[in-house]
Amino acid sequence: MEFQTTEFFLIFLPWFIFLILALVAVKLVKSAKGRAGIAVSFGALVQIFSPDPYVERTIEMITIERKAPKKQQDESGKPPSLDDFS
């Protein structure tokens, strides 16, 4: 039974990917500690494009907060003041 190089690479491919990602992470952390622009911009891009797991909850909270003052205004006939929220 021959062991081909393609089988070798397929077996260790996940470990190679992990090693490369770890090296990139170490490089980014070192550059971030030195306040390099590439690390800051990479962090900003990741923050922008990464999905927010609480998007639905946040949208629901915002809509509830917007409906609450309108409901209070409808019941009392006057707009709510800042004293009403404390």
C-alpha atoms as a PDB file:
ATOM      1  CA  MET A   1       0.000   0.000   0.000  1.00  0.00           C
ATOM      2  CA  GLU A   2       1.612   3.203  -1.161  1.00  0.00           C
ATOM      3  CA  PHE A   3       1.288   6.442   0.696  1.00  0.00           C
ATOM      4  CA  GLN A   4       0.978   9.252  -1.791  1.00  0.00           C
ATOM      5  CA  THR A   5       1.858  12.851  -1.093  1.00  0.00           C
ATOM      6  CA  THR A   6      -1.677  14.037  -1.895  1.00  0.00           C
ATOM      7  CA  GLU A   7      -3.050  11.775   0.833  1.00  0.00           C
ATOM      8  CA  PHE A   8      -0.474  13.193   3.214  1.00  0.00           C
ATOM      9  CA  PHE A   9      -1.537  16.750   2.453  1.00  0.00           C
ATOM     10  CA  LEU A  10      -5.220  15.891   2.744  1.00  0.00           C
ATOM     11  CA  ILE A  11      -4.699  14.301   6.132  1.00  0.00           C
ATOM     12  CA  PHE A  12      -2.727  17.222   7.537  1.00  0.00           C
ATOM     13  CA  LEU A  13      -4.550  20.033   5.704  1.00  0.00           C
ATOM     14  CA  PRO A  14      -6.677  21.070   8.721  1.00  0.00           C
ATOM     15  CA  TRP A  15      -3.530  21.287  10.858  1.00  0.00           C
ATOM     16  CA  PHE A  16      -1.734  23.360   8.221  1.00  0.00           C
ATOM     17  CA  ILE A  17      -4.677  25.757   8.047  1.00  0.00           C
ATOM     18  CA  PHE A  18      -4.776  26.015  11.843  1.00  0.00           C
ATOM     19  CA  LEU A  19      -1.047  26.685  11.988  1.00  0.00           C
ATOM     20  CA  ILE A  20      -1.278  29.403   9.333  1.00  0.00           C
ATOM     21  CA  LEU A  21      -4.202  31.083  11.106  1.00  0.00           C
ATOM     22  CA  ALA A  22      -2.338  30.942  14.421  1.00  0.00           C
ATOM     23  CA  LEU A  23       0.733  32.565  12.873  1.00  0.00           C
ATOM     24  CA  VAL A  24      -1.410  35.299  11.308  1.00  0.00           C
ATOM     25  CA  ALA A  25      -3.102  35.907  14.665  1.00  0.00           C
ATOM     26  CA  VAL A  26       0.249  36.217  16.446  1.00  0.00           C
ATOM     27  CA  LYS A  27       1.471  38.645  13.780  1.00  0.00           C
ATOM     28  CA  LEU A  28      -1.703  40.758  14.082  1.00  0.00           C
ATOM     29  CA  VAL A  29      -1.497  40.853  17.884  1.00  0.00           C
ATOM     30  CA  LYS A  30       2.114  42.016  17.745  1.00  0.00           C
ATOM     31  CA  SER A  31       1.281  44.717  15.214  1.00  0.00           C
ATOM     32  CA  ALA A  32      -1.788  45.770  17.207  1.00  0.00           C
ATOM     33  CA  LYS A  33       0.337  46.241  20.319  1.00  0.00           C
ATOM     34  CA  GLY A  34       2.589  48.477  18.250  1.00  0.00           C
ATOM     35  CA  ARG A  35      -0.492  50.390  17.070  1.00  0.00           C
ATOM     36  CA  ALA A  36       0.146  49.547  13.438  1.00  0.00           C
ATOM     37  CA  GLY A  37      -2.512  50.735  11.040  1.00  0.00           C
ATOM     38  CA  ILE A  38      -2.966  47.377   9.360  1.00  0.00           C
ATOM     39  CA  ALA A  39      -4.036  45.692  12.594  1.00  0.00           C
ATOM     40  CA  VAL A  40      -6.493  48.455  13.460  1.00  0.00           C
ATOM     41  CA  SER A  41      -8.014  48.481   9.992  1.00  0.00           C
ATOM     42  CA  PHE A  42      -8.238  44.674   9.941  1.00  0.00           C
ATOM     43  CA  GLY A  43     -10.029  44.750  13.308  1.00  0.00           C
ATOM     44  CA  ALA A  44     -12.443  47.384  12.043  1.00  0.00           C
ATOM     45  CA  LEU A  45     -13.223  45.369   8.913  1.00  0.00           C
ATOM     46  CA  VAL A  46     -13.804  42.210  10.922  1.00  0.00           C
ATOM     47  CA  GLN A  47     -16.125  44.105  13.264  1.00  0.00           C
ATOM     48  CA  ILE A  48     -18.053  45.573  10.333  1.00  0.00           C
ATOM     49  CA  PHE A  49     -18.518  42.345   8.393  1.00  0.00           C
ATOM     50  CA  SER A  50     -18.924  39.858  11.233  1.00  0.00           C
ATOM     51  CA  PRO A  51     -22.542  38.976  11.917  1.00  0.00           C
ATOM     52  CA  ASP A  52     -24.162  40.206  15.098  1.00  0.00           C
ATOM     53  CA  PRO A  53     -25.789  37.233  16.859  1.00  0.00           C
ATOM     54  CA  TYR A  54     -28.190  39.545  18.690  1.00  0.00           C
ATOM     55  CA  VAL A  55     -29.473  41.523  15.688  1.00  0.00           C
ATOM     56  CA  GLU A  56     -33.071  40.383  16.064  1.00  0.00           C
ATOM     57  CA  ARG A  57     -33.090  41.121  19.797  1.00  0.00           C
ATOM     58  CA  THR A  58     -31.578  44.575  19.246  1.00  0.00           C
ATOM     59  CA  ILE A  59     -34.086  45.476  16.537  1.00  0.00           C
ATOM     60  CA  GLU A  60     -36.941  44.279  18.750  1.00  0.00           C
ATOM     61  CA  MET A  61     -35.712  46.393  21.686  1.00  0.00           C
ATOM     62  CA  ILE A  62     -35.432  49.487  19.504  1.00  0.00           C
ATOM     63  CA  THR A  63     -38.945  49.081  18.124  1.00  0.00           C
ATOM     64  CA  ILE A  64     -40.344  48.581  21.628  1.00  0.00           C
ATOM     65  CA  GLU A  65     -38.549  51.705  22.860  1.00  0.00           C
ATOM     66  CA  ARG A  66     -39.968  53.718  19.969  1.00  0.00           C
ATOM     67  CA  LYS A  67     -43.505  52.457  20.575  1.00  0.00           C
ATOM     68  CA  ALA A  68     -43.475  53.129  24.341  1.00  0.00           C
ATOM     69  CA  PRO A  69     -43.365  56.975  24.165  1.00  0.00           C
ATOM     70  CA  LYS A  70     -46.058  57.004  21.466  1.00  0.00           C
ATOM     71  CA  LYS A  71     -48.283  54.811  23.610  1.00  0.00           C
ATOM     72  CA  GLN A  72     -47.788  57.056  26.653  1.00  0.00           C
ATOM     73  CA  GLN A  73     -48.552  60.124  24.551  1.00  0.00           C
ATOM     74  CA  ASP A  74     -51.766  58.566  23.257  1.00  0.00           C
ATOM     75  CA  GLU A  75     -52.987  57.644  26.748  1.00  0.00           C
ATOM     76  CA  SER A  76     -52.308  60.975  28.458  1.00  0.00           C
ATOM     77  CA  GLY A  77     -52.829  63.298  25.521  1.00  0.00           C
ATOM     78  CA  LYS A  78     -49.503  65.039  26.079  1.00  0.00           C
ATOM     79  CA  PRO A  79     -45.985  64.019  25.043  1.00  0.00           C
ATOM     80  CA  PRO A  80     -43.949  62.272  27.726  1.00  0.00           C
ATOM     81  CA  SER A  81     -41.315  64.278  29.575  1.00  0.00           C
ATOM     82  CA  LEU A  82     -37.943  63.092  30.769  1.00  0.00           C
ATOM     83  CA  ASP A  83     -39.334  62.752  34.303  1.00  0.00           C
ATOM     84  CA  ASP A  84     -41.672  59.990  33.086  1.00  0.00           C
ATOM     85  CA  PHE A  85     -38.732  57.687  32.260  1.00  0.00           C
ATOM     86  CA  SER A  86     -36.911  57.888  35.601  1.00  0.00           C
END
